[in-house]
Amino acid sequence: NESRIKPSTLLPTCQICSKVYDTYYHTPRVLPKCGQTYCEKCIKAKLQHKRGRLTFHAHNVKAKSGKKMCVDELPKNITIADLVKDVKFRSVG
């Protein structure tokens, strides 16, 4: 009776919703100023307009050009996305 850790339990999750990152609904996105990663769905839900700027918690989410930035324009955390894809692929095979 050997106890084994499932690969899926090792996958990184969003610190807000605790969902495992994926490439559809919970895409890992990086906030430009602080470098923290949250899922796209949570960022969209938590964005607020304050004084003409988009803010996520206390972080301004603004493009370098100064224009309003869409969540889709935030950089993906490719390292996390690749890790999730790799672990899911290996656990299926």
N, C-alpha and C. Protein backbone atom coordinates (compact mmCIF):
# COMPACT_ATOMS: atom_id res chain seq x y z
N ASN A 1 0.84 -1.18 0.00
CA ASN A 1 0.00 0.00 0.00
C ASN A 1 0.89 1.25 0.00
N GLU A 2 1.36 1.58 -1.15
CA GLU A 2 2.30 2.69 -1.32
C GLU A 2 1.53 4.00 -1.49
N SER A 3 1.89 5.00 -0.70
CA SER A 3 1.21 6.30 -0.86
C SER A 3 1.97 7.12 -1.90
N ARG A 4 1.22 7.59 -2.88
CA ARG A 4 1.81 8.37 -3.97
C ARG A 4 1.13 9.71 -4.06
N ILE A 5 1.90 10.71 -4.43
CA ILE A 5 1.35 12.04 -4.63
C ILE A 5 0.92 12.15 -6.09
N LYS A 6 -0.32 12.55 -6.30
CA LYS A 6 -0.80 12.75 -7.67
C LYS A 6 -0.12 13.98 -8.26
N PRO A 7 0.32 13.91 -9.53
CA PRO A 7 0.94 15.08 -10.16
C PRO A 7 0.04 16.31 -10.13
N SER A 8 -1.28 16.10 -10.23
CA SER A 8 -2.20 17.24 -10.27
C SER A 8 -2.21 18.03 -8.96
N THR A 9 -1.82 17.42 -7.84
CA THR A 9 -1.79 18.15 -6.57
C THR A 9 -0.57 19.06 -6.48
N LEU A 10 0.37 18.90 -7.38
CA LEU A 10 1.57 19.72 -7.38
C LEU A 10 1.44 20.94 -8.29
N LEU A 11 0.33 21.05 -8.99
CA LEU A 11 0.16 22.15 -9.93
C LEU A 11 -0.04 23.48 -9.20
N PRO A 12 0.53 24.56 -9.74
CA PRO A 12 0.36 25.87 -9.12
C PRO A 12 -1.08 26.37 -9.28
N THR A 13 -1.54 27.09 -8.26
CA THR A 13 -2.90 27.61 -8.27
C THR A 13 -2.90 29.12 -8.07
N CYS A 14 -3.98 29.75 -8.46
CA CYS A 14 -4.18 31.19 -8.26
C CYS A 14 -4.33 31.44 -6.76
N GLN A 15 -3.68 32.46 -6.25
CA GLN A 15 -3.74 32.77 -4.82
C GLN A 15 -5.09 33.36 -4.40
N ILE A 16 -5.89 33.76 -5.36
CA ILE A 16 -7.19 34.35 -5.03
C ILE A 16 -8.28 33.28 -5.01
N CYS A 17 -8.41 32.52 -6.10
CA CYS A 17 -9.51 31.56 -6.21
C CYS A 17 -9.10 30.12 -5.92
N SER A 18 -7.81 29.87 -5.82
CA SER A 18 -7.25 28.53 -5.54
C SER A 18 -7.49 27.52 -6.66
N LYS A 19 -7.85 27.99 -7.84
CA LYS A 19 -8.02 27.09 -8.99
C LYS A 19 -6.67 26.85 -9.65
N VAL A 20 -6.50 25.65 -10.19
CA VAL A 20 -5.28 25.34 -10.93
C VAL A 20 -5.28 26.18 -12.20
N TYR A 21 -4.13 26.75 -12.53
CA TYR A 21 -4.02 27.53 -13.77
C TYR A 21 -4.25 26.64 -14.98
N ASP A 22 -4.79 27.23 -16.05
CA ASP A 22 -4.96 26.53 -17.32
C ASP A 22 -4.77 27.54 -18.44
N THR A 23 -5.07 27.15 -19.66
CA THR A 23 -4.88 28.07 -20.78
C THR A 23 -6.20 28.62 -21.32
N TYR A 24 -7.30 28.37 -20.59
CA TYR A 24 -8.60 28.83 -21.06
C TYR A 24 -9.21 29.88 -20.13
N TYR A 25 -9.63 29.46 -18.95
CA TYR A 25 -10.34 30.36 -18.04
C TYR A 25 -9.44 30.92 -16.94
N HIS A 26 -8.44 30.17 -16.57
CA HIS A 26 -7.57 30.57 -15.47
C HIS A 26 -6.13 30.73 -15.96
N THR A 27 -5.98 31.45 -17.07
CA THR A 27 -4.67 31.71 -17.65
C THR A 27 -3.82 32.52 -16.68
N PRO A 28 -2.60 32.09 -16.38
CA PRO A 28 -1.77 32.85 -15.45
C PRO A 28 -1.26 34.14 -16.11
N ARG A 29 -1.60 35.28 -15.51
CA ARG A 29 -1.19 36.59 -16.03
C ARG A 29 -0.33 37.30 -14.99
N VAL A 30 0.66 38.04 -15.46
CA VAL A 30 1.60 38.74 -14.58
C VAL A 30 1.22 40.21 -14.48
N LEU A 31 1.13 40.72 -13.26
CA LEU A 31 0.90 42.16 -13.06
C LEU A 31 2.22 42.89 -13.28
N PRO A 32 2.20 43.93 -14.12
CA PRO A 32 3.45 44.55 -14.57
C PRO A 32 4.32 45.16 -13.46
N LYS A 33 3.73 45.83 -12.51
CA LYS A 33 4.56 46.54 -11.52
C LYS A 33 5.13 45.64 -10.43
N CYS A 34 4.35 44.66 -9.97
CA CYS A 34 4.79 43.84 -8.84
C CYS A 34 5.31 42.47 -9.27
N GLY A 35 4.94 42.02 -10.48
CA GLY A 35 5.39 40.73 -10.97
C GLY A 35 4.60 39.54 -10.42
N GLN A 36 3.55 39.81 -9.62
CA GLN A 36 2.75 38.71 -9.09
C GLN A 36 1.88 38.12 -10.19
N THR A 37 1.57 36.84 -10.05
CA THR A 37 0.75 36.13 -11.02
C THR A 37 -0.58 35.74 -10.40
N TYR A 38 -1.66 36.04 -11.12
CA TYR A 38 -3.01 35.63 -10.74
C TYR A 38 -3.69 35.15 -12.01
N CYS A 39 -4.80 34.43 -11.87
CA CYS A 39 -5.49 33.96 -13.06
C CYS A 39 -6.27 35.11 -13.71
N GLU A 40 -6.43 34.99 -15.00
CA GLU A 40 -7.10 36.01 -15.80
C GLU A 40 -8.51 36.29 -15.29
N LYS A 41 -9.21 35.24 -14.91
CA LYS A 41 -10.59 35.38 -14.45
C LYS A 41 -10.64 36.24 -13.17
N CYS A 42 -9.74 36.01 -12.24
CA CYS A 42 -9.71 36.79 -10.99
C CYS A 42 -9.31 38.24 -11.25
N ILE A 43 -8.34 38.43 -12.14
CA ILE A 43 -7.92 39.80 -12.44
C ILE A 43 -9.10 40.57 -13.03
N LYS A 44 -9.81 39.96 -13.96
CA LYS A 44 -10.98 40.62 -14.55
C LYS A 44 -12.02 40.96 -13.49
N ALA A 45 -12.23 40.04 -12.55
CA ALA A 45 -13.24 40.25 -11.51
C ALA A 45 -12.82 41.32 -10.51
N LYS A 46 -11.52 41.49 -10.29
CA LYS A 46 -11.03 42.40 -9.25
C LYS A 46 -10.62 43.78 -9.78
N LEU A 47 -10.60 43.95 -11.11
CA LEU A 47 -10.21 45.25 -11.66
C LEU A 47 -11.21 46.33 -11.27
N GLN A 48 -10.70 47.49 -10.95
CA GLN A 48 -11.56 48.62 -10.62
C GLN A 48 -11.04 49.86 -11.33
N HIS A 49 -11.94 50.78 -11.62
CA HIS A 49 -11.55 52.06 -12.18
C HIS A 49 -11.45 53.07 -11.05
N LYS A 50 -10.28 53.67 -10.90
CA LYS A 50 -10.10 54.71 -9.89
C LYS A 50 -9.36 55.88 -10.54
N ARG A 51 -10.00 57.01 -10.54
CA ARG A 51 -9.40 58.22 -11.11
C ARG A 51 -8.85 58.00 -12.52
N GLY A 52 -9.63 57.33 -13.35
CA GLY A 52 -9.25 57.13 -14.74
C GLY A 52 -8.21 56.05 -14.98
N ARG A 53 -7.80 55.34 -13.93
CA ARG A 53 -6.80 54.28 -14.10
C ARG A 53 -7.41 52.96 -13.66
N LEU A 54 -6.99 51.91 -14.34
CA LEU A 54 -7.39 50.56 -13.93
C LEU A 54 -6.49 50.16 -12.77
N THR A 55 -7.08 49.67 -11.71
CA THR A 55 -6.26 49.20 -10.59
C THR A 55 -6.69 47.79 -10.22
N PHE A 56 -5.74 47.04 -9.77
CA PHE A 56 -5.98 45.69 -9.27
C PHE A 56 -5.38 45.69 -7.89
N HIS A 57 -6.23 45.63 -6.88
CA HIS A 57 -5.81 45.87 -5.50
C HIS A 57 -5.12 47.23 -5.49
N ALA A 58 -3.88 47.33 -5.08
CA ALA A 58 -3.20 48.62 -5.02
C ALA A 58 -2.29 48.86 -6.21
N HIS A 59 -2.32 47.98 -7.21
CA HIS A 59 -1.39 48.08 -8.34
C HIS A 59 -2.06 48.73 -9.54
N ASN A 60 -1.41 49.74 -10.12
CA ASN A 60 -1.91 50.32 -11.36
C ASN A 60 -1.66 49.34 -12.49
N VAL A 61 -2.66 49.15 -13.32
CA VAL A 61 -2.53 48.28 -14.49
C VAL A 61 -2.69 49.19 -15.70
N LYS A 62 -1.56 49.68 -16.18
CA LYS A 62 -1.58 50.66 -17.25
C LYS A 62 -0.46 50.33 -18.23
N ALA A 63 -0.76 50.44 -19.51
CA ALA A 63 0.26 50.18 -20.52
C ALA A 63 1.30 51.29 -20.48
N LYS A 64 2.48 51.02 -21.02
CA LYS A 64 3.55 52.03 -21.03
C LYS A 64 3.13 53.27 -21.80
N SER A 65 2.26 53.10 -22.79
CA SER A 65 1.80 54.24 -23.57
C SER A 65 0.83 55.12 -22.78
N GLY A 66 0.38 54.63 -21.62
CA GLY A 66 -0.55 55.40 -20.79
C GLY A 66 -2.00 55.07 -21.07
N LYS A 67 -2.27 54.27 -22.11
CA LYS A 67 -3.66 53.93 -22.42
C LYS A 67 -4.18 52.85 -21.48
N LYS A 68 -5.50 52.76 -21.40
CA LYS A 68 -6.13 51.72 -20.60
C LYS A 68 -5.72 50.34 -21.11
N MET A 69 -5.42 49.46 -20.20
CA MET A 69 -4.92 48.15 -20.59
C MET A 69 -5.97 47.07 -20.33
N CYS A 70 -6.18 46.19 -21.31
CA CYS A 70 -7.08 45.06 -21.15
C CYS A 70 -6.33 43.93 -20.45
N VAL A 71 -7.05 43.09 -19.75
CA VAL A 71 -6.44 41.95 -19.07
C VAL A 71 -5.73 41.05 -20.08
N ASP A 72 -6.31 40.90 -21.26
CA ASP A 72 -5.71 40.06 -22.30
C ASP A 72 -4.33 40.56 -22.72
N GLU A 73 -4.04 41.84 -22.47
CA GLU A 73 -2.74 42.40 -22.84
C GLU A 73 -1.67 42.17 -21.78
N LEU A 74 -2.07 41.78 -20.58
CA LEU A 74 -1.08 41.48 -19.55
C LEU A 74 -0.28 40.26 -19.99
N PRO A 75 1.01 40.24 -19.71
CA PRO A 75 1.81 39.09 -20.14
C PRO A 75 1.40 37.81 -19.43
N LYS A 76 1.42 36.73 -20.18
CA LYS A 76 1.15 35.42 -19.60
C LYS A 76 2.41 34.97 -18.85
N ASN A 77 2.21 34.25 -17.76
CA ASN A 77 3.32 33.63 -17.08
C ASN A 77 3.58 32.31 -17.78
N ILE A 78 4.46 32.35 -18.76
CA ILE A 78 4.72 31.20 -19.63
C ILE A 78 5.29 30.02 -18.84
N THR A 79 6.11 30.30 -17.83
CA THR A 79 6.70 29.22 -17.03
C THR A 79 5.62 28.40 -16.35
N ILE A 80 4.65 29.08 -15.73
CA ILE A 80 3.56 28.37 -15.07
C ILE A 80 2.69 27.66 -16.10
N ALA A 81 2.35 28.33 -17.20
CA ALA A 81 1.51 27.72 -18.22
C ALA A 81 2.15 26.45 -18.79
N ASP A 82 3.46 26.50 -19.05
CA ASP A 82 4.16 25.33 -19.59
C ASP A 82 4.22 24.20 -18.57
N LEU A 83 4.44 24.54 -17.31
CA LEU A 83 4.49 23.53 -16.25
C LEU A 83 3.15 22.80 -16.14
N VAL A 84 2.07 23.55 -16.15
CA VAL A 84 0.73 22.96 -16.05
C VAL A 84 0.46 22.04 -17.24
N LYS A 85 0.77 22.52 -18.45
CA LYS A 85 0.57 21.69 -19.64
C LYS A 85 1.38 20.40 -19.56
N ASP A 86 2.65 20.51 -19.14
CA ASP A 86 3.52 19.35 -19.06
C ASP A 86 3.01 18.32 -18.05
N VAL A 87 2.64 18.77 -16.86
CA VAL A 87 2.16 17.84 -15.83
C VAL A 87 0.85 17.19 -16.26
N LYS A 88 -0.05 17.97 -16.84
CA LYS A 88 -1.32 17.40 -17.29
C LYS A 88 -1.09 16.38 -18.41
N PHE A 89 -0.18 16.68 -19.33
CA PHE A 89 0.13 15.78 -20.43
C PHE A 89 0.70 14.46 -19.88
N ARG A 90 1.62 14.55 -18.94
CA ARG A 90 2.26 13.35 -18.38
C ARG A 90 1.28 12.51 -17.57
N SER A 91 0.33 13.16 -16.89
CA SER A 91 -0.60 12.39 -16.07
C SER A 91 -1.66 11.68 -16.91
N VAL A 92 -1.89 12.15 -18.15
CA VAL A 92 -2.83 11.49 -19.03
C VAL A 92 -2.20 10.24 -19.64
N GLY A 93 -0.91 10.33 -19.96
CA GLY A 93 -0.22 9.24 -20.65
C GLY A 93 0.18 8.11 -19.82
